């Protein structure tokens, strides 16, 4: 999990760009969620490449929930999107769509205050 989060910070500029586009209304709700997920997918791919070069024991890998989740991620983005929907605990697309709604609301609130 930590290795993924470090890799994910490489996408910070892209995350900020998507947030600016959302605030400005220059990206759709679904487009925002998809692009954020695409950045995270790239971090997953980097993490997989790093982990592939480390020799773990079977005990180490079988006892790690996050290793299994990351190692088991598909290599194609479209398959990855479907993979993220398999979790009964969370729906990342809905989470990112909710973030988009929050960014848009903040933008609308600011605009109505300025008038």
Protein backbone atom coordinates (compact mmCIF):
# COMPACT_ATOMS: atom_id res chain seq x y z
CA UNK A 1 0.00 0.00 0.00
CA UNK A 2 2.79 2.43 0.91
CA UNK A 3 4.70 1.71 -2.30
CA UNK A 4 1.56 2.38 -4.34
CA UNK A 5 0.90 5.67 -2.53
CA UNK A 6 4.45 6.82 -3.23
CA UNK A 7 4.02 5.95 -6.92
CA UNK A 8 0.64 7.65 -6.91
CA UNK A 9 2.20 10.96 -5.81
CA UNK A 10 3.87 11.09 -9.24
CA UNK A 11 0.42 11.85 -10.63
CA UNK A 12 -0.09 14.90 -8.41
CA UNK A 13 0.12 17.39 -11.29
CA UNK A 14 -2.42 15.37 -13.27
CA UNK A 15 -4.74 15.23 -10.24
CA UNK A 16 -4.46 19.00 -9.87
CA UNK A 17 -5.12 19.54 -13.58
CA UNK A 18 -8.25 17.38 -13.44
CA UNK A 19 -9.46 19.29 -10.35
CA UNK A 20 -8.97 22.62 -12.17
CA UNK A 21 -10.87 21.28 -15.18
CA UNK A 22 -13.69 20.13 -12.89
CA UNK A 23 -13.92 23.51 -11.16
CA UNK A 24 -13.98 25.26 -14.55
CA UNK A 25 -16.60 22.85 -15.90
CA UNK A 26 -14.23 21.74 -18.67
CA UNK A 27 -14.54 18.02 -17.94
CA UNK A 28 -17.59 15.86 -17.33
CA UNK A 29 -18.28 14.03 -14.10
CA UNK A 30 -17.56 10.65 -15.69
CA UNK A 31 -14.55 12.03 -17.55
CA UNK A 32 -13.10 13.35 -14.29
CA UNK A 33 -13.57 10.04 -12.49
CA UNK A 34 -12.13 8.09 -15.41
CA UNK A 35 -9.05 10.29 -15.74
CA UNK A 36 -8.32 10.17 -12.00
CA UNK A 37 -8.63 6.40 -12.14
CA UNK A 38 -6.32 6.34 -15.18
CA UNK A 39 -3.62 8.17 -13.18
CA UNK A 40 -4.03 5.66 -10.37
CA UNK A 41 -3.82 2.82 -12.87
CA UNK A 42 -0.42 4.10 -13.98
CA UNK A 43 0.70 4.11 -10.34
CA UNK A 44 -0.52 0.51 -10.01
CA UNK A 45 1.50 -0.48 -13.09
CA UNK A 46 4.64 1.16 -11.65
CA UNK A 47 4.06 -0.59 -8.34
CA UNK A 48 3.60 -3.95 -10.08
CA UNK A 49 6.89 -3.47 -11.95
CA UNK A 50 8.71 -2.63 -8.73
CA UNK A 51 7.21 -5.56 -6.82
CA UNK A 52 8.01 -7.97 -9.65
CA UNK A 53 11.70 -7.31 -9.07
CA UNK A 54 11.54 -8.25 -5.38
CA UNK A 55 11.79 -11.87 -4.34
CA UNK A 56 9.09 -12.43 -1.74
CA UNK A 57 8.41 -15.72 0.00
CA UNK A 58 5.03 -17.39 -0.50
CA UNK A 59 4.27 -16.66 3.15
CA UNK A 60 4.95 -12.94 2.67
CA UNK A 61 2.72 -12.65 -0.38
CA UNK A 62 -0.09 -14.85 0.93
CA UNK A 63 -0.30 -12.86 4.18
CA UNK A 64 -0.56 -9.49 2.42
CA UNK A 65 -3.98 -8.29 1.33
CA UNK A 66 -2.51 -5.34 -0.57
CA UNK A 67 0.10 -7.38 -2.39
CA UNK A 68 -2.64 -9.62 -3.74
CA UNK A 69 -4.80 -6.66 -4.78
CA UNK A 70 -1.94 -4.90 -6.56
CA UNK A 71 -0.34 -7.99 -8.10
CA UNK A 72 -3.76 -9.15 -9.32
CA UNK A 73 -4.62 -5.92 -11.14
CA UNK A 74 -5.13 -6.36 -14.87
CA UNK A 75 -2.67 -4.83 -17.32
CA UNK A 76 -5.31 -3.09 -19.47
CA UNK A 77 -7.07 0.02 -18.22
CA UNK A 78 -10.55 -1.13 -19.26
CA UNK A 79 -10.07 -4.38 -17.37
CA UNK A 80 -8.72 -2.43 -14.39
CA UNK A 81 -11.92 -0.35 -14.25
CA UNK A 82 -13.96 -3.54 -14.07
CA UNK A 83 -11.53 -4.93 -11.46
CA UNK A 84 -12.11 -1.91 -9.20
CA UNK A 85 -15.85 -2.59 -9.24
CA UNK A 86 -15.37 -6.05 -7.72
CA UNK A 87 -14.86 -4.64 -4.24
CA UNK A 88 -18.07 -4.74 -2.20
CA UNK A 89 -16.64 -2.15 0.23
CA UNK A 90 -16.17 0.71 -2.23
CA UNK A 91 -16.92 1.97 -5.68
CA UNK A 92 -14.01 4.19 -6.69
CA UNK A 93 -15.82 5.62 -9.72
CA UNK A 94 -18.64 6.81 -7.46
CA UNK A 95 -16.10 8.22 -5.00
CA UNK A 96 -14.40 10.24 -7.74
CA UNK A 97 -17.74 11.35 -9.15
CA UNK A 98 -18.63 12.57 -5.66
CA UNK A 99 -15.35 14.50 -5.49
CA UNK A 100 -16.24 16.06 -8.84
CA UNK A 101 -19.61 17.11 -7.43
CA UNK A 102 -17.84 18.72 -4.48
CA UNK A 103 -15.46 20.61 -6.75
CA UNK A 104 -18.32 21.82 -8.93
CA UNK A 105 -20.36 22.87 -5.87
CA UNK A 106 -17.41 24.83 -4.48
CA UNK A 107 -17.04 26.54 -7.85
CA UNK A 108 -20.74 27.42 -8.01
CA UNK A 109 -20.72 28.66 -4.40
CA UNK A 110 -17.76 30.93 -5.15
CA UNK A 111 -19.40 32.27 -8.29
CA UNK A 112 -22.68 33.03 -6.52
CA UNK A 113 -20.84 34.85 -3.69
CA UNK A 114 -18.92 37.04 -6.16
CA UNK A 115 -22.07 38.31 -7.90
